[in-house]
Amino acid sequence: TLTLNMEPEAAGTLTDAGNYEEGTQVNLTATAHENFKFLNWTSASEEIISTQADFTYTMPAQDITLTANFEQTHFTISITVEGQGGVMVNNSYYFEEVRVERNKEINLEARAEQGWEFHSWTGCLASDREQEQIIMDNNKFITALFTVVSNTDNLSAENITVFPNPFQQTLQINNTAGVEYMYITGITGQKVWEHTPSGEQRIKVQTHQLPQGIYLLTLRKIDGSVQVKKIVKQ
């Protein structure tokens, strides 16, 4: 039996696996999908059998498994905006997913609208600088977070407060009647808690399961504005 695998999965199509007698000449074909290119055929011991996508293989006496290896040639960057602002990708405004060559460096710039300010990048990019560069060595999913300009340390004009901060076992968020959705993310953008308030004034979050470190508490208000607070687990 001749078994054909591919690495990575879904990188292309393969023919012609099946049951063959010893000595049979089997025409094998590896066809790369878009954004991939063929590299080589290898054996189970990772020995390179051929660097040709189409080649004739002589069936041995025993069952054999061959792997067609592909390499991704392009990746995509997907950007989500929280709050009021936009993102420039290589000096062009981002409107939809961008396809970029493998290992190419791209420039990102966050531009806040009036009354808002840039807060941070999260996801595949963790930074608070408005201008950043990123190497496209994989598909990238990034969020640009903008917050309402405020002259106080409160989270909003309605005096939303967080106590204690730093916190340990619990975190209390006060004056949340005007908030429609809230969540906590790690510094890399992974969401670790979320809640949809139903008009309550006070929310208590059980945080004993969270590792020590820095987190971001994001509150999306009914009026569409977004407020963010850096919180620390001790």
Protein backbone atom coordinates (compact mmCIF):
# COMPACT_ATOMS: atom_id res chain seq x y z
CA THR A 1 0.00 0.00 0.00
CA LEU A 2 1.23 3.46 -0.92
CA THR A 3 0.01 6.16 1.48
CA LEU A 4 0.43 9.85 0.69
CA ASN A 5 0.49 12.62 3.31
CA MET A 6 1.08 16.34 3.03
CA GLU A 7 2.66 18.92 5.32
CA PRO A 8 1.10 21.25 6.20
CA GLU A 9 -2.40 19.86 5.86
CA ALA A 10 -4.63 21.33 3.14
CA ALA A 11 -1.63 22.89 1.36
CA GLY A 12 -2.47 21.17 -1.91
CA THR A 13 -3.77 18.02 -3.60
CA LEU A 14 -2.02 14.68 -4.09
CA THR A 15 -2.32 11.72 -6.48
CA ASP A 16 -1.98 8.71 -6.73
CA ALA A 17 -2.15 6.71 -3.46
CA GLY A 18 -3.39 3.13 -3.55
CA ASN A 19 -2.55 -0.58 -3.50
CA TYR A 20 0.26 -1.54 -5.87
CA GLU A 21 2.35 -4.61 -6.52
CA GLU A 22 6.11 -4.54 -6.04
CA GLY A 23 7.89 -2.90 -8.96
CA THR A 24 4.86 -0.96 -10.19
CA GLN A 25 5.70 2.47 -11.63
CA VAL A 26 3.39 4.96 -9.93
CA ASN A 27 2.99 8.49 -11.27
CA LEU A 28 2.75 10.83 -8.26
CA THR A 29 1.57 14.42 -8.49
CA ALA A 30 1.60 17.18 -5.86
CA THR A 31 -0.31 20.36 -6.76
CA ALA A 32 0.07 23.38 -4.48
CA HIS A 33 -2.92 25.49 -3.51
CA GLU A 34 -2.82 29.29 -3.68
CA ASN A 35 -0.31 30.82 -1.24
CA PHE A 36 1.77 27.60 -1.14
CA LYS A 37 4.63 26.13 -3.14
CA PHE A 38 5.84 22.53 -3.38
CA LEU A 39 9.19 21.68 -1.74
CA ASN A 40 9.83 17.92 -1.93
CA TRP A 41 8.70 14.37 -1.31
CA THR A 42 10.12 12.66 1.79
CA SER A 43 9.96 9.18 3.29
CA ALA A 44 8.84 8.27 6.82
CA SER A 45 12.49 8.67 7.88
CA GLU A 46 12.49 12.18 6.35
CA GLU A 47 14.81 11.18 3.53
CA ILE A 48 14.20 13.33 0.43
CA ILE A 49 12.84 11.08 -2.32
CA SER A 50 12.32 13.74 -5.00
CA THR A 51 12.25 17.51 -5.42
CA GLN A 52 9.90 17.22 -8.41
CA ALA A 53 6.19 17.75 -7.80
CA ASP A 54 5.44 15.15 -10.54
CA PHE A 55 7.62 12.06 -10.52
CA THR A 56 7.48 8.29 -11.05
CA TYR A 57 7.92 6.17 -7.95
CA THR A 58 8.81 2.48 -8.03
CA MET A 59 6.74 0.58 -5.50
CA PRO A 60 8.84 -1.47 -3.03
CA ALA A 61 7.86 -4.83 -1.52
CA GLN A 62 6.63 -3.29 1.75
CA ASP A 63 3.97 -0.72 2.51
CA ILE A 64 5.31 2.82 2.23
CA THR A 65 4.27 6.32 3.28
CA LEU A 66 5.46 9.39 1.41
CA THR A 67 4.94 13.01 2.44
CA ALA A 68 4.63 15.94 0.08
CA ASN A 69 6.08 19.01 1.79
CA PHE A 70 4.83 22.49 0.96
CA GLU A 71 5.80 25.97 2.11
CA GLN A 72 3.42 28.86 2.53
CA THR A 73 4.47 31.74 0.27
CA HIS A 74 2.03 34.41 1.51
CA PHE A 75 0.31 35.22 4.78
CA THR A 76 -2.58 37.51 5.66
CA ILE A 77 -2.90 40.26 8.25
CA SER A 78 -6.34 40.90 9.74
CA ILE A 79 -6.87 44.02 11.86
CA THR A 80 -9.77 44.82 14.17
CA VAL A 81 -10.34 48.32 15.53
CA GLU A 82 -11.81 48.90 19.00
CA GLY A 83 -12.94 52.49 19.53
CA GLN A 84 -12.73 55.34 17.04
CA GLY A 85 -9.66 55.34 14.82
CA GLY A 86 -8.01 53.72 11.83
CA VAL A 87 -4.88 51.82 10.84
CA MET A 88 -2.39 52.47 8.06
CA VAL A 89 -0.69 49.42 6.52
CA ASN A 90 2.36 50.47 4.50
CA ASN A 91 0.94 54.01 4.24
CA SER A 92 -2.48 52.86 2.98
CA TYR A 93 -5.63 52.79 5.11
CA TYR A 94 -6.65 49.28 6.13
CA PHE A 95 -10.11 48.27 4.92
CA GLU A 96 -9.86 44.51 4.44
CA GLU A 97 -7.55 41.55 5.01
CA VAL A 98 -4.15 42.13 3.36
CA ARG A 99 -2.12 39.39 1.65
CA VAL A 100 1.64 39.76 2.16
CA GLU A 101 4.69 37.81 0.99
CA ARG A 102 6.32 35.47 3.48
CA ASN A 103 8.87 37.13 5.82
CA LYS A 104 8.18 40.60 4.46
CA GLU A 105 8.26 43.46 6.98
CA ILE A 106 5.22 45.73 6.99
CA ASN A 107 4.65 49.07 8.71
CA LEU A 108 1.61 49.75 10.88
CA GLU A 109 0.41 53.12 12.09
CA ALA A 110 -2.57 53.79 14.36
CA ARG A 111 -4.46 57.05 13.78
CA ALA A 112 -6.99 58.17 16.37
CA GLU A 113 -10.06 60.23 15.53
CA GLN A 114 -10.74 63.55 17.27
CA GLY A 115 -11.51 63.07 20.94
CA TRP A 116 -9.84 59.67 20.99
CA GLU A 117 -6.28 58.46 21.54
CA PHE A 118 -4.40 55.33 20.64
CA HIS A 119 -4.00 52.92 23.55
CA SER A 120 -2.31 49.72 22.39
CA TRP A 121 -1.93 46.87 19.90
CA THR A 122 -3.00 43.43 21.08
CA GLY A 123 -3.18 39.97 19.57
CA CYS A 124 -0.14 39.06 17.48
CA LEU A 125 1.41 42.43 18.34
CA ALA A 126 1.79 43.69 21.93
CA SER A 127 2.82 47.34 21.98
CA ASP A 128 1.64 50.81 22.99
CA ARG A 129 3.53 52.63 20.22
CA GLU A 130 1.45 54.18 17.44
CA GLN A 131 3.95 53.13 14.76
CA GLU A 132 5.18 49.54 14.63
CA GLN A 133 6.73 47.02 12.26
CA ILE A 134 5.89 43.35 12.03
CA ILE A 135 7.44 40.45 10.11
CA MET A 136 4.95 38.33 8.20
CA ASP A 137 6.16 34.89 9.26
CA ASN A 138 2.61 33.66 9.88
CA ASN A 139 -1.00 34.81 9.56
CA LYS A 140 -1.44 37.80 11.87
CA PHE A 141 -4.55 38.84 13.81
CA ILE A 142 -4.16 42.24 15.47
CA THR A 143 -6.43 44.63 17.36
CA ALA A 144 -5.83 48.39 17.48
CA LEU A 145 -7.38 49.79 20.65
CA PHE A 146 -8.43 53.45 20.94
CA THR A 147 -9.82 55.12 24.06
CA VAL A 148 -11.65 58.34 24.77
CA VAL A 149 -9.35 61.19 25.77
CA SER A 150 -9.71 61.81 29.50
CA ASN A 151 -7.97 64.07 31.98
CA THR A 152 -8.61 61.78 34.92
CA ASP A 153 -7.62 58.29 35.91
CA ASN A 154 -11.26 57.21 35.93
CA LEU A 155 -12.51 54.98 33.18
CA SER A 156 -15.35 57.32 32.14
CA ALA A 157 -17.23 60.48 32.96
CA GLU A 158 -19.60 58.38 35.05
CA ASN A 159 -16.68 57.52 37.34
CA ILE A 160 -16.35 53.83 36.59
CA THR A 161 -13.81 52.57 39.09
CA VAL A 162 -11.84 49.38 39.60
CA PHE A 163 -10.86 48.14 43.05
CA PRO A 164 -8.42 46.89 44.15
CA ASN A 165 -5.71 47.41 41.60
CA PRO A 166 -3.37 45.52 41.88
CA PHE A 167 -5.78 42.68 42.73
CA GLN A 168 -5.51 39.07 43.92
CA GLN A 169 -8.62 36.90 44.40
CA THR A 170 -11.36 39.29 43.27
CA LEU A 171 -11.77 42.48 41.26
CA GLN A 172 -14.70 44.87 41.72
CA ILE A 173 -15.90 47.18 38.94
CA ASN A 174 -18.23 49.97 40.12
CA ASN A 175 -20.76 52.22 38.36
CA THR A 176 -21.25 49.93 35.36
CA ALA A 177 -24.89 50.75 34.51
CA GLY A 178 -23.82 52.42 31.25
CA VAL A 179 -21.68 49.50 30.08
CA GLU A 180 -23.06 46.97 27.59
CA TYR A 181 -20.07 44.62 27.38
CA MET A 182 -16.80 44.16 29.24
CA TYR A 183 -13.87 41.77 29.02
CA ILE A 184 -10.37 41.15 30.31
CA THR A 185 -7.47 40.20 28.05
CA GLY A 186 -3.90 39.20 28.71
CA ILE A 187 -1.10 41.38 27.36
CA THR A 188 -1.03 39.23 24.18
CA GLY A 189 -4.72 39.85 23.52
CA GLN A 190 -6.13 36.49 24.67
CA LYS A 191 -9.54 36.97 26.27
CA VAL A 192 -9.65 35.47 29.79
CA TRP A 193 -13.02 36.83 31.03
CA GLU A 194 -16.08 38.50 29.55
CA HIS A 195 -19.45 39.70 30.80
CA THR A 196 -22.58 41.37 29.43
CA PRO A 197 -24.08 43.54 32.20
CA SER A 198 -27.84 43.79 32.63
CA GLY A 199 -27.95 47.22 34.23
CA GLU A 200 -26.22 46.33 37.49
CA GLN A 201 -24.12 49.03 39.17
CA ARG A 202 -21.41 46.75 40.47
CA ILE A 203 -19.63 43.71 39.00
CA LYS A 204 -17.44 41.39 41.06
CA VAL A 205 -14.98 39.26 39.10
CA GLN A 206 -13.45 36.09 40.55
CA THR A 207 -9.79 36.27 39.53
CA HIS A 208 -8.14 33.54 41.61
CA GLN A 209 -7.59 31.42 38.48
CA LEU A 210 -5.62 34.12 36.64
CA PRO A 211 -1.81 33.93 36.68
CA GLN A 212 0.10 36.91 38.00
CA GLY A 213 0.75 39.57 35.39
CA ILE A 214 -0.60 42.58 33.51
CA TYR A 215 -4.11 42.56 31.99
CA LEU A 216 -6.37 44.98 30.13
CA LEU A 217 -9.96 45.58 31.23
CA THR A 218 -12.05 46.84 28.31
CA LEU A 219 -15.51 48.35 28.79
CA ARG A 220 -17.74 49.03 25.80
CA LYS A 221 -20.40 51.57 26.72
CA ILE A 222 -23.94 51.89 25.43
CA ASP A 223 -23.01 55.12 23.62
CA GLY A 224 -20.39 53.20 21.59
CA SER A 225 -17.31 54.51 23.35
CA VAL A 226 -14.65 52.15 24.66
CA GLN A 227 -12.71 52.55 27.89
CA VAL A 228 -9.61 50.58 28.85
CA LYS A 229 -7.81 50.15 32.15
CA LYS A 230 -4.54 48.41 32.84
CA ILE A 231 -4.93 46.06 35.80
CA VAL A 232 -2.34 43.95 37.58
CA LYS A 233 -2.73 40.52 39.21
CA GLN A 234 -0.39 40.00 42.15
